[in-house]
Amino acid sequence: MANRMAAKPMPAKPVLVKPWVQVANGVMLDVRLTPRSARDAIEGIECRADGRAVLKARVCAPPFEGAANDSLRRLIASRLAIAPRQVEIAGGEGARVKRLRIVGDPAMLDAALSRLAKANA
């Protein structure tokens, strides 16, 4: 009988890629949204199979008539201490992975998103 050793799980590597990029009037943020969750929450950064980094978010609202998208906008705005009108869905309105445009000072938003990602890592 062959001597088999139990495979040790590899520790998770921290994601080094940020899921946002600074643009002229703010930042573009990639988010993976899970609707119908038990609570509204930000769960850190995930590196998807295609290599794309996304911020993981959960909202209680169902994906019906834009309710989950509105909840996501309010969640991101509250965590960044900005007005919800500064957060808009730029792409993926009906998809799980979305691109948000957040209007404001790019350097301030970059720093706030970095703190948010570290706090929820």
Protein backbone atom coordinates (compact mmCIF):
# COMPACT_ATOMS: atom_id res chain seq x y z
CA MET A 1 0.00 0.00 0.00
CA ALA A 2 1.38 3.39 -0.98
CA ASN A 3 2.21 5.86 1.75
CA ARG A 4 -0.17 8.78 1.29
CA MET A 5 0.32 12.08 2.96
CA ALA A 6 -2.61 14.36 3.57
CA ALA A 7 -2.44 17.41 1.37
CA LYS A 8 -2.08 20.59 3.37
CA PRO A 9 -4.29 23.43 2.21
CA MET A 10 -2.38 26.38 0.87
CA PRO A 11 -2.92 29.61 2.79
CA ALA A 12 -4.98 32.17 0.92
CA LYS A 13 -2.84 34.76 -0.79
CA PRO A 14 -3.84 38.36 -0.21
CA VAL A 15 -5.26 40.05 -3.27
CA LEU A 16 -2.83 42.73 -4.42
CA VAL A 17 -4.92 44.12 -7.25
CA LYS A 18 -7.41 46.84 -6.41
CA PRO A 19 -10.90 46.50 -7.90
CA TRP A 20 -11.03 50.23 -8.58
CA VAL A 21 -9.20 52.65 -10.81
CA GLN A 22 -8.96 56.41 -10.54
CA VAL A 23 -10.55 58.41 -13.35
CA ALA A 24 -10.71 62.16 -13.97
CA ASN A 25 -13.75 62.86 -11.78
CA GLY A 26 -13.67 59.96 -9.31
CA VAL A 27 -13.17 56.19 -9.42
CA MET A 28 -14.57 53.19 -11.27
CA LEU A 29 -15.22 50.25 -8.93
CA ASP A 30 -15.94 46.63 -9.87
CA VAL A 31 -18.36 44.91 -7.47
CA ARG A 32 -19.75 41.39 -7.19
CA LEU A 33 -23.22 41.75 -5.68
CA THR A 34 -25.15 39.06 -3.82
CA PRO A 35 -28.82 40.06 -3.42
CA ARG A 36 -31.34 38.57 -0.96
CA SER A 37 -28.72 38.28 1.76
CA ALA A 38 -29.48 38.24 5.48
CA ARG A 39 -27.71 41.60 5.89
CA ASP A 40 -26.13 44.44 3.95
CA ALA A 41 -22.35 44.07 4.08
CA ILE A 42 -19.01 44.57 2.35
CA GLU A 43 -16.93 41.38 2.51
CA GLY A 44 -13.55 42.40 1.13
CA ILE A 45 -11.85 41.85 -2.21
CA GLU A 46 -12.05 38.70 -4.30
CA CYS A 47 -9.87 37.72 -7.24
CA ARG A 48 -12.08 36.02 -9.82
CA ALA A 49 -10.99 33.11 -12.03
CA ASP A 50 -10.35 35.49 -14.93
CA GLY A 51 -7.90 37.47 -12.76
CA ARG A 52 -10.24 40.41 -12.26
CA ALA A 53 -10.48 41.78 -8.73
CA VAL A 54 -13.92 42.73 -7.38
CA LEU A 55 -15.25 44.12 -4.12
CA LYS A 56 -17.70 41.61 -2.63
CA ALA A 57 -20.97 43.10 -1.41
CA ARG A 58 -24.25 41.69 -0.06
CA VAL A 59 -27.62 43.40 0.19
CA CYS A 60 -30.97 42.31 1.64
CA ALA A 61 -32.96 43.64 -1.31
CA PRO A 62 -34.11 41.29 -4.10
CA PRO A 63 -32.87 41.72 -7.66
CA PHE A 64 -36.25 43.07 -8.74
CA GLU A 65 -36.87 46.41 -10.48
CA GLY A 66 -33.46 47.78 -9.45
CA ALA A 67 -33.98 47.34 -5.69
CA ALA A 68 -30.66 45.50 -5.21
CA ASN A 69 -28.80 48.10 -7.29
CA ASP A 70 -30.27 50.94 -5.22
CA SER A 71 -29.32 49.15 -2.01
CA LEU A 72 -25.79 48.66 -3.34
CA ARG A 73 -25.49 52.37 -4.18
CA ARG A 74 -26.64 53.32 -0.66
CA LEU A 75 -24.33 50.74 0.98
CA ILE A 76 -21.24 51.96 -0.88
CA ALA A 77 -22.14 55.60 -0.25
CA SER A 78 -22.62 55.03 3.48
CA ARG A 79 -19.31 53.16 3.82
CA LEU A 80 -17.47 55.93 1.96
CA ALA A 81 -19.34 58.72 3.80
CA ILE A 82 -20.59 60.29 0.58
CA ALA A 83 -24.03 61.04 -0.85
CA PRO A 84 -25.79 58.17 -2.68
CA ARG A 85 -26.19 60.42 -5.74
CA GLN A 86 -22.38 60.25 -6.15
CA VAL A 87 -22.58 56.48 -6.81
CA GLU A 88 -24.07 55.27 -10.08
CA ILE A 89 -24.21 51.97 -11.92
CA ALA A 90 -21.99 52.38 -14.99
CA GLY A 91 -22.25 48.79 -16.22
CA GLY A 92 -23.74 45.41 -15.42
CA GLU A 93 -27.07 46.72 -14.17
CA GLY A 94 -28.72 43.29 -14.57
CA ALA A 95 -25.60 41.21 -13.83
CA ARG A 96 -24.00 39.99 -10.62
CA VAL A 97 -20.69 41.74 -11.43
CA LYS A 98 -21.19 45.48 -11.78
CA ARG A 99 -19.09 48.53 -12.50
CA LEU A 100 -19.83 51.58 -10.36
CA ARG A 101 -18.83 55.16 -11.11
CA ILE A 102 -18.19 57.08 -7.91
CA VAL A 103 -17.92 60.83 -8.37
CA GLY A 104 -15.60 62.84 -6.13
CA ASP A 105 -11.95 63.53 -5.42
CA PRO A 106 -10.09 60.51 -6.85
CA ALA A 107 -7.32 60.55 -4.22
CA MET A 108 -9.82 60.77 -1.34
CA LEU A 109 -11.98 57.99 -2.77
CA ASP A 110 -8.93 55.79 -3.40
CA ALA A 111 -7.84 56.19 0.23
CA ALA A 112 -11.38 55.53 1.52
CA LEU A 113 -11.74 52.39 -0.62
CA SER A 114 -8.33 51.15 0.56
CA ARG A 115 -9.42 51.56 4.20
CA LEU A 116 -12.74 49.86 3.47
CA ALA A 117 -11.04 46.90 1.78
CA LYS A 118 -8.53 46.48 4.64
CA ALA A 119 -11.23 46.69 7.29
CA ASN A 120 -13.21 43.91 5.58
CA ALA A 121 -10.33 41.65 4.54
